[in-house]
Protein backbone atom coordinates (compact mmCIF):
# COMPACT_ATOMS: atom_id res chain seq x y z
CA UNK A 1 -21.00 -30.62 38.62
CA UNK A 2 -24.60 -31.57 37.77
CA UNK A 3 -25.87 -28.58 39.75
CA UNK A 4 -23.42 -26.23 38.04
CA UNK A 5 -24.46 -27.51 34.61
CA UNK A 6 -28.19 -27.11 35.31
CA UNK A 7 -29.06 -30.80 35.03
CA UNK A 8 -32.20 -30.46 37.15
CA UNK A 9 -33.32 -27.47 35.05
CA UNK A 10 -32.94 -29.27 31.68
CA UNK A 11 -29.96 -27.21 30.53
CA UNK A 12 -27.68 -30.14 29.80
CA UNK A 13 -27.70 -33.90 29.84
CA UNK A 14 -24.79 -35.99 31.13
CA UNK A 15 -24.11 -38.93 28.83
CA UNK A 16 -21.61 -41.76 28.88
CA UNK A 17 -19.16 -41.94 25.98
CA UNK A 18 -16.00 -43.66 24.89
CA UNK A 19 -12.97 -41.66 23.78
CA UNK A 20 -10.65 -43.45 21.37
CA UNK A 21 -7.02 -42.44 21.43
CA UNK A 22 -4.29 -43.61 19.03
CA UNK A 23 -1.03 -44.53 20.68
CA UNK A 24 2.29 -44.92 18.94
CA UNK A 25 3.03 -45.36 15.27
CA UNK A 26 1.42 -48.78 14.90
CA UNK A 27 -2.19 -47.57 15.22
CA UNK A 28 -2.79 -49.14 18.64
CA UNK A 29 -5.84 -47.60 20.24
CA UNK A 30 -6.87 -47.07 23.82
CA UNK A 31 -10.56 -46.71 24.67
CA UNK A 32 -11.30 -44.50 27.65
CA UNK A 33 -14.74 -44.41 29.26
CA UNK A 34 -15.86 -40.86 30.06
CA UNK A 35 -18.91 -38.68 30.58
CA UNK A 36 -19.75 -35.45 28.81
CA UNK A 37 -22.32 -32.70 29.10
CA UNK A 38 -24.47 -32.17 26.02
CA UNK A 39 -27.21 -29.68 25.31
CA UNK A 40 -30.64 -30.86 26.46
CA UNK A 41 -32.79 -32.59 23.82
CA UNK A 42 -35.38 -29.82 24.00
CA UNK A 43 -33.09 -27.45 22.08
CA UNK A 44 -29.99 -29.34 20.95
CA UNK A 45 -31.46 -30.26 17.53
CA UNK A 46 -32.07 -26.63 16.65
CA UNK A 47 -28.59 -25.61 17.81
CA UNK A 48 -27.14 -28.41 15.67
CA UNK A 49 -29.07 -27.25 12.58
CA UNK A 50 -28.13 -23.62 13.12
CA UNK A 51 -24.44 -24.54 13.43
CA UNK A 52 -24.54 -25.99 9.93
CA UNK A 53 -24.42 -29.44 11.58
CA UNK A 54 -20.79 -28.89 12.57
CA UNK A 55 -19.48 -29.74 16.02
CA UNK A 56 -16.44 -28.64 17.95
CA UNK A 57 -13.32 -30.73 18.51
CA UNK A 58 -12.80 -28.72 21.67
CA UNK A 59 -14.27 -25.72 23.43
CA UNK A 60 -11.45 -23.23 23.06
CA UNK A 61 -10.98 -19.47 22.99
CA UNK A 62 -12.26 -19.20 19.43
CA UNK A 63 -15.45 -21.13 20.24
CA UNK A 64 -15.99 -19.08 23.38
CA UNK A 65 -15.92 -15.69 21.60
CA UNK A 66 -19.72 -15.52 21.42
CA UNK A 67 -20.28 -16.62 25.01
CA UNK A 68 -22.13 -14.08 27.13
CA UNK A 69 -21.25 -14.25 30.82
CA UNK A 70 -24.15 -14.66 33.23
CA UNK A 71 -23.56 -11.19 34.71
CA UNK A 72 -23.95 -9.69 31.23
CA UNK A 73 -27.26 -11.43 30.45
CA UNK A 74 -30.69 -10.05 31.32
CA UNK A 75 -31.71 -11.21 34.78
CA UNK A 76 -35.39 -11.59 33.90
CA UNK A 77 -34.80 -14.24 31.20
CA UNK A 78 -33.82 -17.82 31.99
CA UNK A 79 -31.02 -19.82 30.44
CA UNK A 80 -33.19 -21.96 28.15
CA UNK A 81 -35.19 -18.88 27.08
CA UNK A 82 -31.89 -17.22 26.14
CA UNK A 83 -30.98 -20.24 24.03
CA UNK A 84 -34.28 -20.00 22.15
CA UNK A 85 -33.78 -16.28 21.61
CA UNK A 86 -30.35 -17.10 20.16
CA UNK A 87 -31.71 -19.89 17.96
CA UNK A 88 -34.43 -17.60 16.60
CA UNK A 89 -32.19 -14.54 16.13
CA UNK A 90 -31.51 -13.39 12.57
CA UNK A 91 -27.71 -13.74 13.02
CA UNK A 92 -28.07 -17.35 14.11
CA UNK A 93 -30.59 -18.23 11.42
CA UNK A 94 -28.47 -16.72 8.68
CA UNK A 95 -25.40 -18.77 9.65
CA UNK A 96 -26.94 -22.04 8.53
């Protein structure tokens, strides 16, 4: 999974987290230890600002609408360079 997510190329960072889940009607909670992939620190702050500092509850079909498949991206530009182009694009900058 780390290779797929570009860990060695600074695309994402795998971090430990705890997921808290309510169970039943009496507010009992279960804490589940998990790991998640987050944008690398070199660009995640700018993505956060440009999103209006709003996160996603889940990555669903609506969130994926703007995703450009690898085969549809220019082959001469790397993944992180594409992120910076997106961050600096007028459409991204105007959304914040």
